[in-house]
Amino acid sequence: MAQRRRYPHHCAGVVYFRDLIVWPETAVPFYLRARFTALQEIYRFLDSSRVYLLTGSPDYEYFEAEDDYHTYNAAFFFRPFEHSFESHYKITLVPGSETMPFKRQFPFLRKVNVGGGDFFPGTKYTVFKFKVEVKPGKFDGEKYVEILTAEPHKTNIGLSAIICYESVFPDLVRRFISGGANLLTIITNDGWFGETSGPYQHAQYAVLRAVENRVSIIRCANTGISGFISPTGKYLTRAGLNTRQNKIAEIPIVQRKTFYTRKGEWLGNFTLLMSLLFIFIKLFGYFVQMKSAGKKK
């Protein structure tokens, strides 16, 4: 069901488009790069539908110097009429589940199997660039008003994929926005949590990331909470736990960057510094007091 959504007044100047499909982290549980038939089916679908696609998929790369393959937890981005794709590799991996810590320093750790993967971390904060046709509008209070005199035009979209528990780390997400992203997707497999409070807590982290950077987020989860989140942190529409649904929404693209996006974790670092300084002053005062007490004796 397609619905127009409402936002507060300060999101004025937003634009809408309906040209992107997002699949979750484990939507493709095989090496899509090596599956020619599957790729051809995707290309045909995108060409006929004229839409973009972002999906999770494992990927690999061969390093001749090491005579070894590195595997990655990846996101693939497809464009219509371009029979190729771009990839992004997850940067922050789950220790023990996706990788063994310190395996580069101690290669024998790669042989330790605890039931997880042997992925390597990515190093790039990838932003997928594309253009879509939009019709501008603004918000009068909470009512969206199209600018009827404005002609549809092309606008630049910078899309980044946050994979699974990377959404827990605010500074990591901020770096994608600083690098040019104005729309985020969070693709995840929350099946690890079962029917505990975990999937709900994990989904709420997306709200914080949206508010911090004033960016719309498309969250697509396998067995978890999926939905569209506005730049003010409201779930515009969502699919509940363990439900199979296709959700459609129109979401705003805010072109400006927040103070947090531009400046980063200065407040947290300043608070930590002041806390350490306070502890040092208290300890220094304590030792001075003890020394004075010793001299009086």
C-alpha atoms as a PDB file:
ATOM      1  CA  MET A   1       0.000   0.000   0.000  1.00  0.00           C
ATOM      2  CA  ALA A   2       1.441   3.355  -1.029  1.00  0.00           C
ATOM      3  CA  GLN A   3       0.769   6.191   1.355  1.00  0.00           C
ATOM      4  CA  ARG A   4       1.840   9.799   1.609  1.00  0.00           C
ATOM      5  CA  ARG A   5       3.352  10.519   4.988  1.00  0.00           C
ATOM      6  CA  ARG A   6       3.464  13.642   7.107  1.00  0.00           C
ATOM      7  CA  TYR A   7       6.417  15.338   8.753  1.00  0.00           C
ATOM      8  CA  PRO A   8       7.018  18.323  11.029  1.00  0.00           C
ATOM      9  CA  HIS A   9       7.489  21.767   9.555  1.00  0.00           C
ATOM     10  CA  HIS A  10      11.263  21.897   9.904  1.00  0.00           C
ATOM     11  CA  CYS A  11      11.644  19.208   7.211  1.00  0.00           C
ATOM     12  CA  ALA A  12      10.538  21.706   4.552  1.00  0.00           C
ATOM     13  CA  GLY A  13      12.159  21.433   1.159  1.00  0.00           C
ATOM     14  CA  VAL A  14      12.018  17.663   0.936  1.00  0.00           C
ATOM     15  CA  VAL A  15      11.505  15.602  -2.214  1.00  0.00           C
ATOM     16  CA  TYR A  16       9.859  12.261  -2.928  1.00  0.00           C
ATOM     17  CA  PHE A  17      10.612   9.325  -5.178  1.00  0.00           C
ATOM     18  CA  ARG A  18       9.512   5.710  -5.613  1.00  0.00           C
ATOM     19  CA  ASP A  19      12.398   4.157  -7.444  1.00  0.00           C
ATOM     20  CA  LEU A  20      14.247   1.982  -4.916  1.00  0.00           C
ATOM     21  CA  ILE A  21      13.720  -1.584  -3.688  1.00  0.00           C
ATOM     22  CA  VAL A  22      15.579  -2.818  -0.585  1.00  0.00           C
ATOM     23  CA  TRP A  23      16.096  -6.463   0.368  1.00  0.00           C
ATOM     24  CA  PRO A  24      17.535  -7.569   3.757  1.00  0.00           C
ATOM     25  CA  GLU A  25      21.004  -8.705   4.736  1.00  0.00           C
ATOM     26  CA  THR A  26      20.477 -12.415   4.017  1.00  0.00           C
ATOM     27  CA  ALA A  27      18.078 -12.051   1.081  1.00  0.00           C
ATOM     28  CA  VAL A  28      20.672 -13.754  -1.143  1.00  0.00           C
ATOM     29  CA  PRO A  29      22.228 -16.606   0.877  1.00  0.00           C
ATOM     30  CA  PHE A  30      24.820 -17.448  -1.790  1.00  0.00           C
ATOM     31  CA  TYR A  31      27.603 -15.746  -3.734  1.00  0.00           C
ATOM     32  CA  LEU A  32      25.456 -13.721  -6.105  1.00  0.00           C
ATOM     33  CA  ARG A  33      28.504 -12.552  -8.033  1.00  0.00           C
ATOM     34  CA  ALA A  34      29.073 -16.098  -9.258  1.00  0.00           C
ATOM     35  CA  ARG A  35      25.420 -16.911 -10.115  1.00  0.00           C
ATOM     36  CA  PHE A  36      24.987 -15.826 -13.727  1.00  0.00           C
ATOM     37  CA  THR A  37      21.378 -17.023 -13.984  1.00  0.00           C
ATOM     38  CA  ALA A  38      20.307 -15.189 -10.825  1.00  0.00           C
ATOM     39  CA  LEU A  39      22.025 -12.002 -11.986  1.00  0.00           C
ATOM     40  CA  GLN A  40      20.268 -12.152 -15.352  1.00  0.00           C
ATOM     41  CA  GLU A  41      16.898 -12.490 -13.613  1.00  0.00           C
ATOM     42  CA  ILE A  42      17.644  -9.431 -11.497  1.00  0.00           C
ATOM     43  CA  TYR A  43      18.747  -7.419 -14.531  1.00  0.00           C
ATOM     44  CA  ARG A  44      15.574  -8.296 -16.429  1.00  0.00           C
ATOM     45  CA  PHE A  45      13.386  -7.378 -13.465  1.00  0.00           C
ATOM     46  CA  LEU A  46      15.082  -4.020 -12.915  1.00  0.00           C
ATOM     47  CA  ASP A  47      15.011  -3.129 -16.614  1.00  0.00           C
ATOM     48  CA  SER A  48      11.313  -3.889 -16.911  1.00  0.00           C
ATOM     49  CA  SER A  49      10.418  -2.114 -13.656  1.00  0.00           C
ATOM     50  CA  ARG A  50      12.862   0.799 -14.054  1.00  0.00           C
ATOM     51  CA  VAL A  51      13.875   0.656 -10.392  1.00  0.00           C
ATOM     52  CA  TYR A  52      17.070   0.463  -8.365  1.00  0.00           C
ATOM     53  CA  LEU A  53      17.823  -2.442  -6.025  1.00  0.00           C
ATOM     54  CA  LEU A  54      19.940  -2.796  -2.901  1.00  0.00           C
ATOM     55  CA  THR A  55      20.357  -6.259  -1.423  1.00  0.00           C
ATOM     56  CA  GLY A  56      22.572  -8.109   1.000  1.00  0.00           C
ATOM     57  CA  SER A  57      24.819 -10.860  -0.313  1.00  0.00           C
ATOM     58  CA  PRO A  58      28.081 -12.533   0.676  1.00  0.00           C
ATOM     59  CA  ASP A  59      30.979 -11.667  -1.608  1.00  0.00           C
ATOM     60  CA  TYR A  60      34.607 -12.629  -2.107  1.00  0.00           C
ATOM     61  CA  GLU A  61      37.879 -11.342  -3.495  1.00  0.00           C
ATOM     62  CA  TYR A  62      41.012 -13.241  -4.518  1.00  0.00           C
ATOM     63  CA  PHE A  63      44.417 -11.956  -3.391  1.00  0.00           C
ATOM     64  CA  GLU A  64      47.177 -13.340  -5.594  1.00  0.00           C
ATOM     65  CA  ALA A  65      49.991 -12.342  -3.231  1.00  0.00           C
ATOM     66  CA  GLU A  66      48.428 -14.407  -0.445  1.00  0.00           C
ATOM     67  CA  ASP A  67      47.018 -17.079  -2.764  1.00  0.00           C
ATOM     68  CA  ASP A  68      43.878 -16.788  -0.703  1.00  0.00           C
ATOM     69  CA  TYR A  69      40.263 -15.638  -0.867  1.00  0.00           C
ATOM     70  CA  HIS A  70      38.747 -13.091   1.477  1.00  0.00           C
ATOM     71  CA  THR A  71      35.002 -13.262   2.016  1.00  0.00           C
ATOM     72  CA  TYR A  72      32.814 -10.314   2.967  1.00  0.00           C
ATOM     73  CA  ASN A  73      29.382  -9.523   4.288  1.00  0.00           C
ATOM     74  CA  ALA A  74      28.311  -7.240   1.463  1.00  0.00           C
ATOM     75  CA  ALA A  75      25.585  -5.058   0.038  1.00  0.00           C
ATOM     76  CA  PHE A  76      25.084  -4.959  -3.745  1.00  0.00           C
ATOM     77  CA  PHE A  77      23.556  -1.983  -5.547  1.00  0.00           C
ATOM     78  CA  PHE A  78      21.974  -2.450  -8.983  1.00  0.00           C
ATOM     79  CA  ARG A  79      20.837   0.153 -11.501  1.00  0.00           C
ATOM     80  CA  PRO A  80      18.302  -0.448 -14.282  1.00  0.00           C
ATOM     81  CA  PHE A  81      19.758  -0.870 -17.769  1.00  0.00           C
ATOM     82  CA  GLU A  82      23.270  -1.312 -16.362  1.00  0.00           C
ATOM     83  CA  HIS A  83      24.045  -5.014 -16.263  1.00  0.00           C
ATOM     84  CA  SER A  84      26.567  -4.649 -13.471  1.00  0.00           C
ATOM     85  CA  PHE A  85      26.548  -3.736  -9.797  1.00  0.00           C
ATOM     86  CA  GLU A  86      28.509  -1.892  -7.118  1.00  0.00           C
ATOM     87  CA  SER A  87      29.375  -3.419  -3.763  1.00  0.00           C
ATOM     88  CA  HIS A  88      29.974  -2.304  -0.200  1.00  0.00           C
ATOM     89  CA  TYR A  89      31.613  -4.451   2.475  1.00  0.00           C
ATOM     90  CA  LYS A  90      30.555  -4.385   6.100  1.00  0.00           C
ATOM     91  CA  ILE A  91      33.134  -2.510   8.154  1.00  0.00           C
ATOM     92  CA  THR A  92      32.338  -3.528  11.742  1.00  0.00           C
ATOM     93  CA  LEU A  93      31.962  -7.297  12.066  1.00  0.00           C
ATOM     94  CA  VAL A  94      30.486  -9.217  14.999  1.00  0.00           C
ATOM     95  CA  PRO A  95      33.362 -10.897  16.924  1.00  0.00           C
ATOM     96  CA  GLY A  96      33.026 -14.666  17.043  1.00  0.00           C
ATOM     97  CA  SER A  97      29.970 -14.684  14.797  1.00  0.00           C
ATOM     98  CA  GLU A  98      31.294 -13.105  11.605  1.00  0.00           C
ATOM     99  CA  THR A  99      35.015 -13.090  12.283  1.00  0.00           C
ATOM    100  CA  MET A 100      37.645 -14.088  14.819  1.00  0.00           C
ATOM    101  CA  PRO A 101      39.406 -11.057  16.345  1.00  0.00           C
ATOM    102  CA  PHE A 102      43.137 -10.657  15.617  1.00  0.00           C
ATOM    103  CA  LYS A 103      43.130 -13.273  12.843  1.00  0.00           C
ATOM    104  CA  ARG A 104      45.347 -11.080  10.660  1.00  0.00           C
ATOM    105  CA  GLN A 105      47.991 -11.040  13.400  1.00  0.00           C
ATOM    106  CA  PHE A 106      47.465 -14.723  14.256  1.00  0.00           C
ATOM    107  CA  PRO A 107      46.370 -16.554  11.069  1.00  0.00           C
ATOM    108  CA  PHE A 108      45.777 -19.843  12.921  1.00  0.00           C
ATOM    109  CA  LEU A 109      42.653 -18.250  14.437  1.00  0.00           C
ATOM    110  CA  ARG A 110      40.953 -18.600  11.048  1.00  0.00           C
ATOM    111  CA  LYS A 111      40.851 -22.329  11.706  1.00  0.00           C
ATOM    112  CA  VAL A 112      38.905 -21.868  14.930  1.00  0.00           C
ATOM    113  CA  ASN A 113      35.296 -22.656  14.088  1.00  0.00           C
ATOM    114  CA  VAL A 114      32.685 -21.485  16.566  1.00  0.00           C
ATOM    115  CA  GLY A 115      29.802 -21.781  14.128  1.00  0.00           C
ATOM    116  CA  GLY A 116      30.188 -18.331  12.596  1.00  0.00           C
ATOM    117  CA  GLY A 117      31.727 -16.939   9.431  1.00  0.00           C
ATOM    118  CA  ASP A 118      35.224 -16.047   8.314  1.00  0.00           C
ATOM    119  CA  PHE A 119      34.493 -12.586   6.919  1.00  0.00           C
ATOM    120  CA  PHE A 120      37.002  -9.793   6.525  1.00  0.00           C
ATOM    121  CA  PRO A 121      36.062  -6.170   7.264  1.00  0.00           C
ATOM    122  CA  GLY A 122      35.587  -3.571   4.589  1.00  0.00           C
ATOM    123  CA  THR A 123      37.481  -0.298   4.749  1.00  0.00           C
ATOM    124  CA  LYS A 124      35.426   2.111   2.613  1.00  0.00           C
ATOM    125  CA  TYR A 125      32.411   4.206   3.588  1.00  0.00           C
ATOM    126  CA  THR A 126      30.679   3.584   0.296  1.00  0.00           C
ATOM    127  CA  VAL A 127      28.055   5.965  -1.071  1.00  0.00           C
ATOM    128  CA  PHE A 128      26.052   4.781  -4.083  1.00  0.00           C
ATOM    129  CA  LYS A 129      25.217   7.740  -6.327  1.00  0.00           C
ATOM    130  CA  PHE A 130      22.198   7.923  -8.602  1.00  0.00           C
ATOM    131  CA  LYS A 131      19.560  10.361  -9.831  1.00  0.00           C
ATOM    132  CA  VAL A 132      15.793  10.111  -9.664  1.00  0.00           C
ATOM    133  CA  GLU A 133      12.980  12.292 -10.902  1.00  0.00           C
ATOM    134  CA  VAL A 134      11.177  14.068  -8.098  1.00  0.00           C
ATOM    135  CA  LYS A 135       8.500  16.668  -7.536  1.00  0.00           C
ATOM    136  CA  PRO A 136       9.413  19.225  -4.848  1.00  0.00           C
ATOM    137  CA  GLY A 137       7.162  20.061  -1.940  1.00  0.00           C
ATOM    138  CA  LYS A 138       7.119  21.508   1.548  1.00  0.00           C
ATOM    139  CA  PHE A 139       5.355  20.993   4.845  1.00  0.00           C
ATOM    140  CA  ASP A 140       2.825  23.396   6.276  1.00  0.00           C
ATOM    141  CA  GLY A 141       2.696  22.192   9.861  1.00  0.00           C
ATOM    142  CA  GLU A 142       2.186  18.445   9.368  1.00  0.00           C
ATOM    143  CA  LYS A 143       0.515  18.682   5.974  1.00  0.00           C
ATOM    144  CA  TYR A 144       2.567  17.996   2.881  1.00  0.00           C
ATOM    145  CA  VAL A 145       1.902  20.489   0.103  1.00  0.00           C
ATOM    146  CA  GLU A 146       3.137  19.909  -3.425  1.00  0.00           C
ATOM    147  CA  ILE A 147       4.532  22.883  -5.284  1.00  0.00           C
ATOM    148  CA  LEU A 148       2.178  22.703  -8.246  1.00  0.00           C
ATOM    149  CA  THR A 149       4.104  25.235 -10.309  1.00  0.00           C
ATOM    150  CA  ALA A 150       7.356  23.287  -9.998  1.00  0.00           C
ATOM    151  CA  GLU A 151       8.258  20.884 -12.753  1.00  0.00           C
ATOM    152  CA  PRO A 152       9.555  17.394 -11.961  1.00  0.00           C
ATOM    153  CA  HIS A 153      13.322  17.334 -12.091  1.00  0.00           C
ATOM    154  CA  LYS A 154      16.264  15.088 -11.396  1.00  0.00           C
ATOM    155  CA  THR A 155      17.936  15.182  -8.004  1.00  0.00           C
ATOM    156  CA  ASN A 156      21.078  13.480  -6.731  1.00  0.00           C
ATOM    157  CA  ILE A 157      20.709  10.690  -4.185  1.00  0.00           C
ATOM    158  CA  GLY A 158      23.604   9.412  -2.108  1.00  0.00           C
ATOM    159  CA  LEU A 159      22.665   6.018  -0.670  1.00  0.00           C
ATOM    160  CA  SER A 160      24.641   4.046   1.908  1.00  0.00           C
ATOM    161  CA  ALA A 161      24.051   0.611   3.399  1.00  0.00           C
ATOM    162  CA  ILE A 162      24.461   0.051   7.133  1.00  0.00           C
ATOM    163  CA  ILE A 163      24.686  -3.700   7.696  1.00  0.00           C
ATOM    164  CA  CYS A 164      23.181  -5.275  10.826  1.00  0.00           C
ATOM    165  CA  TYR A 165      24.613  -4.186  14.164  1.00  0.00           C
ATOM    166  CA  GLU A 166      26.652  -1.384  12.581  1.00  0.00           C
ATOM    167  CA  SER A 167      23.576   0.743  13.321  1.00  0.00           C
ATOM    168  CA  VAL A 168      24.593   0.604  17.003  1.00  0.00           C
ATOM    169  CA  PHE A 169      27.632   2.838  16.322  1.00  0.00           C
ATOM    170  CA  PRO A 170      26.707   6.502  15.816  1.00  0.00           C
ATOM    171  CA  ASP A 171      30.107   7.721  14.612  1.00  0.00           C
ATOM    172  CA  LEU A 172      30.317   4.975  11.980  1.00  0.00           C
ATOM    173  CA  VAL A 173      26.901   5.935  10.584  1.00  0.00           C
ATOM    174  CA  ARG A 174      27.826   9.617  10.676  1.00  0.00           C
ATOM    175  CA  ARG A 175      30.814   9.000   8.419  1.00  0.00           C
ATOM    176  CA  PHE A 176      28.548   7.782   5.618  1.00  0.00           C
ATOM    177  CA  ILE A 177      26.503  10.986   5.826  1.00  0.00           C
ATOM    178  CA  SER A 178      29.655  13.105   5.912  1.00  0.00           C
ATOM    179  CA  GLY A 179      30.814  11.262   2.805  1.00  0.00           C
ATOM    180  CA  GLY A 180      27.772  12.332   0.801  1.00  0.00           C
ATOM    181  CA  ALA A 181      24.900  10.024   1.743  1.00  0.00           C
ATOM    182  CA  ASN A 182      21.480  11.657   2.169  1.00  0.00           C
ATOM    183  CA  LEU A 183      19.545   8.391   2.457  1.00  0.00           C
ATOM    184  CA  LEU A 184      20.397   5.334   4.563  1.00  0.00           C
ATOM    185  CA  THR A 185      19.359   1.726   4.457  1.00  0.00           C
ATOM    186  CA  ILE A 186      19.838  -0.640   7.377  1.00  0.00           C
ATOM    187  CA  ILE A 187      19.770  -4.229   6.178  1.00  0.00           C
ATOM    188  CA  THR A 188      19.913  -6.893   8.852  1.00  0.00           C
ATOM    189  CA  ASN A 189      19.211 -10.468   9.841  1.00  0.00           C
ATOM    190  CA  ASP A 190      17.725 -10.374  13.337  1.00  0.00           C
ATOM    191  CA  GLY A 191      17.023 -14.087  13.452  1.00  0.00           C
ATOM    192  CA  TRP A 192      19.818 -14.455  16.003  1.00  0.00           C
ATOM    193  CA  PHE A 193      17.620 -12.805  18.659  1.00  0.00           C
ATOM    194  CA  GLY A 194      14.639 -15.113  18.292  1.00  0.00           C
ATOM    195  CA  GLU A 195      11.475 -13.757  19.905  1.00  0.00           C
ATOM    196  CA  THR A 196      13.256 -11.853  22.660  1.00  0.00           C
ATOM    197  CA  SER A 197      13.391  -8.099  23.184  1.00  0.00           C
ATOM    198  CA  GLY A 198      16.529  -7.997  20.998  1.00  0.00           C
ATOM    199  CA  PRO A 199      14.860  -7.278  17.626  1.00  0.00           C
ATOM    200  CA  TYR A 200      12.860  -4.400  19.121  1.00  0.00           C
ATOM    201  CA  GLN A 201      15.904  -2.861  20.793  1.00  0.00           C
ATOM    202  CA  HIS A 202      17.940  -3.238  17.623  1.00  0.00           C
ATOM    203  CA  ALA A 203      15.214  -1.507  15.592  1.00  0.00           C
ATOM    204  CA  GLN A 204      15.179   1.467  17.974  1.00  0.00           C
ATOM    205  CA  TYR A 205      18.829   2.211  17.273  1.00  0.00           C
ATOM    206  CA  ALA A 206      17.758   3.204  13.763  1.00  0.00           C
ATOM    207  CA  VAL A 207      15.562   5.919  15.280  1.00  0.00           C
ATOM    208  CA  LEU A 208      18.580   7.445  17.033  1.00  0.00           C
ATOM    209  CA  ARG A 209      20.666   7.393  13.849  1.00  0.00           C
ATOM    210  CA  ALA A 210      17.866   9.105  11.908  1.00  0.00           C
ATOM    211  CA  VAL A 211      17.505  11.899  14.468  1.00  0.00           C
ATOM    212  CA  GLU A 212      21.248  12.472  14.901  1.00  0.00           C
ATOM    213  CA  ASN A 213      21.788  13.012  11.181  1.00  0.00           C
ATOM    214  CA  ARG A 214      18.276  14.166  10.138  1.00  0.00           C
ATOM    215  CA  VAL A 215      18.190  11.489   7.459  1.00  0.00           C
ATOM    216  CA  SER A 216      15.480   9.113   6.269  1.00  0.00           C
ATOM    217  CA  ILE A 217      16.214   5.443   6.894  1.00  0.00           C
ATOM    218  CA  ILE A 218      14.844   2.355   5.187  1.00  0.00           C
ATOM    219  CA  ARG A 219      15.221  -0.583   7.563  1.00  0.00           C
ATOM    220  CA  CYS A 220      14.824  -4.027   6.016  1.00  0.00           C
ATOM    221  CA  ALA A 221      15.191  -7.018   8.322  1.00  0.00           C
ATOM    222  CA  ASN A 222      15.034 -10.765   7.902  1.00  0.00           C
ATOM    223  CA  THR A 223      12.677 -11.876  10.751  1.00  0.00           C
ATOM    224  CA  GLY A 224      13.170  -8.499  12.473  1.00  0.00           C
ATOM    225  CA  ILE A 225      11.416  -5.121  12.369  1.00  0.00           C
ATOM    226  CA  SER A 226      11.305  -3.505   8.934  1.00  0.00           C
ATOM    227  CA  GLY A 227      10.027  -0.043   8.134  1.00  0.00           C
ATOM    228  CA  PHE A 228      10.554   3.504   6.941  1.00  0.00           C
ATOM    229  CA  ILE A 229      11.859   6.066   9.427  1.00  0.00           C
ATOM    230  CA  SER A 230      11.559   9.813   8.981  1.00  0.00           C
ATOM    231  CA  PRO A 231      14.393  12.267   9.754  1.00  0.00           C
ATOM    232  CA  THR A 232      12.583  13.071  13.014  1.00  0.00           C
ATOM    233  CA  GLY A 233      12.725   9.438  14.158  1.00  0.00           C
ATOM    234  CA  LYS A 234       9.128   8.397  13.485  1.00  0.00           C
ATOM    235  CA  TYR A 235       8.358   4.997  11.999  1.00  0.00           C
ATOM    236  CA  LEU A 236       6.167   5.915   9.047  1.00  0.00           C
ATOM    237  CA  THR A 237       5.227   2.315   8.424  1.00  0.00           C
ATOM    238  CA  ARG A 238       6.618  -0.931   9.766  1.00  0.00           C
ATOM    239  CA  ALA A 239       6.384  -4.697   9.438  1.00  0.00           C
ATOM    240  CA  GLY A 240       6.261  -6.582  12.714  1.00  0.00           C
ATOM    241  CA  LEU A 241       8.422  -9.415  13.958  1.00  0.00           C
ATOM    242  CA  ASN A 242       8.361 -12.597  11.854  1.00  0.00           C
ATOM    243  CA  THR A 243       5.959 -11.171   9.271  1.00  0.00           C
ATOM    244  CA  ARG A 244       6.361 -11.335   5.515  1.00  0.00           C
ATOM    245  CA  GLN A 245       5.239  -8.063   3.938  1.00  0.00           C
ATOM    246  CA  ASN A 246       6.058  -5.675   1.118  1.00  0.00           C
ATOM    247  CA  LYS A 247       6.001  -2.092   2.372  1.00  0.00           C
ATOM    248  CA  ILE A 248       5.857   1.016   0.205  1.00  0.00           C
ATOM    249  CA  ALA A 249       6.354   4.582   1.418  1.00  0.00           C
ATOM    250  CA  GLU A 250       7.284   8.028   0.211  1.00  0.00           C
ATOM    251  CA  ILE A 251      10.120   9.430   2.272  1.00  0.00           C
ATOM    252  CA  PRO A 252      11.797  12.843   2.448  1.00  0.00           C
ATOM    253  CA  ILE A 253      15.345  13.518   1.347  1.00  0.00           C
ATOM    254  CA  VAL A 254      16.814  16.310   3.485  1.00  0.00           C
ATOM    255  CA  GLN A 255      19.762  17.972   1.801  1.00  0.00           C
ATOM    256  CA  ARG A 256      21.346  19.723   4.808  1.00  0.00           C
ATOM    257  CA  LYS A 257      23.717  18.229   7.384  1.00  0.00           C
ATOM    258  CA  THR A 258      23.221  18.460  11.140  1.00  0.00           C
ATOM    259  CA  PHE A 259      25.740  19.838  13.618  1.00  0.00           C
ATOM    260  CA  TYR A 260      26.429  16.295  14.835  1.00  0.00           C
ATOM    261  CA  THR A 261      27.029  15.061  11.278  1.00  0.00           C
ATOM    262  CA  ARG A 262      29.515  17.874  10.665  1.00  0.00           C
ATOM    263  CA  LYS A 263      31.295  17.905  14.035  1.00  0.00           C
ATOM    264  CA  GLY A 264      30.992  14.337  15.283  1.00  0.00           C
ATOM    265  CA  GLU A 265      31.540  13.089  18.824  1.00  0.00           C
ATOM    266  CA  TRP A 266      33.024  16.289  20.265  1.00  0.00           C
ATOM    267  CA  LEU A 267      30.449  16.484  23.068  1.00  0.00           C
ATOM    268  CA  GLY A 268      31.065  12.903  24.191  1.00  0.00           C
ATOM    269  CA  ASN A 269      34.835  13.366  23.979  1.00  0.00           C
ATOM    270  CA  PHE A 270      34.602  16.655  25.880  1.00  0.00           C
ATOM    271  CA  THR A 271      32.482  15.017  28.579  1.00  0.00           C
ATOM    272  CA  LEU A 272      34.965  12.155  28.882  1.00  0.00           C
ATOM    273  CA  LEU A 273      37.855  14.611  29.111  1.00  0.00           C
ATOM    274  CA  MET A 274      36.114  16.649  31.810  1.00  0.00           C
ATOM    275  CA  SER A 275      35.302  13.472  33.750  1.00  0.00           C
ATOM    276  CA  LEU A 276      38.949  12.376  33.674  1.00  0.00           C
ATOM    277  CA  LEU A 277      40.044  15.877  34.677  1.00  0.00           C
ATOM    278  CA  PHE A 278      37.595  15.869  37.593  1.00  0.00           C
ATOM    279  CA  ILE A 279      38.891  12.466  38.771  1.00  0.00           C
ATOM    280  CA  PHE A 280      42.497  13.704  38.502  1.00  0.00           C
ATOM    281  CA  ILE A 281      41.694  16.842  40.534  1.00  0.00           C
ATOM    282  CA  LYS A 282      39.961  14.796  43.237  1.00  0.00           C
ATOM    283  CA  LEU A 283      42.849  12.319  43.434  1.00  0.00           C
ATOM    284  CA  PHE A 284      45.405  15.125  43.495  1.00  0.00           C
ATOM    285  CA  GLY A 285      43.502  16.841  46.306  1.00  0.00           C
ATOM    286  CA  TYR A 286      43.290  13.567  48.213  1.00  0.00           C
ATOM    287  CA  PHE A 287      47.059  12.947  48.011  1.00  0.00           C
ATOM    288  CA  VAL A 288      47.815  16.553  49.019  1.00  0.00           C
ATOM    289  CA  GLN A 289      45.503  16.172  52.006  1.00  0.00           C
ATOM    290  CA  MET A 290      47.123  12.874  52.986  1.00  0.00           C
ATOM    291  CA  LYS A 291      50.579  14.389  52.704  1.00  0.00           C
ATOM    292  CA  SER A 292      49.603  17.355  54.865  1.00  0.00           C
ATOM    293  CA  ALA A 293      48.108  15.027  57.446  1.00  0.00           C
ATOM    294  CA  GLY A 294      51.366  13.036  57.554  1.00  0.00           C
ATOM    295  CA  LYS A 295      53.477  16.137  58.169  1.00  0.00           C
ATOM    296  CA  LYS A 296      51.280  17.232  61.090  1.00  0.00           C
ATOM    297  CA  LYS A 297      51.913  13.912  62.799  1.00  0.00           C
END
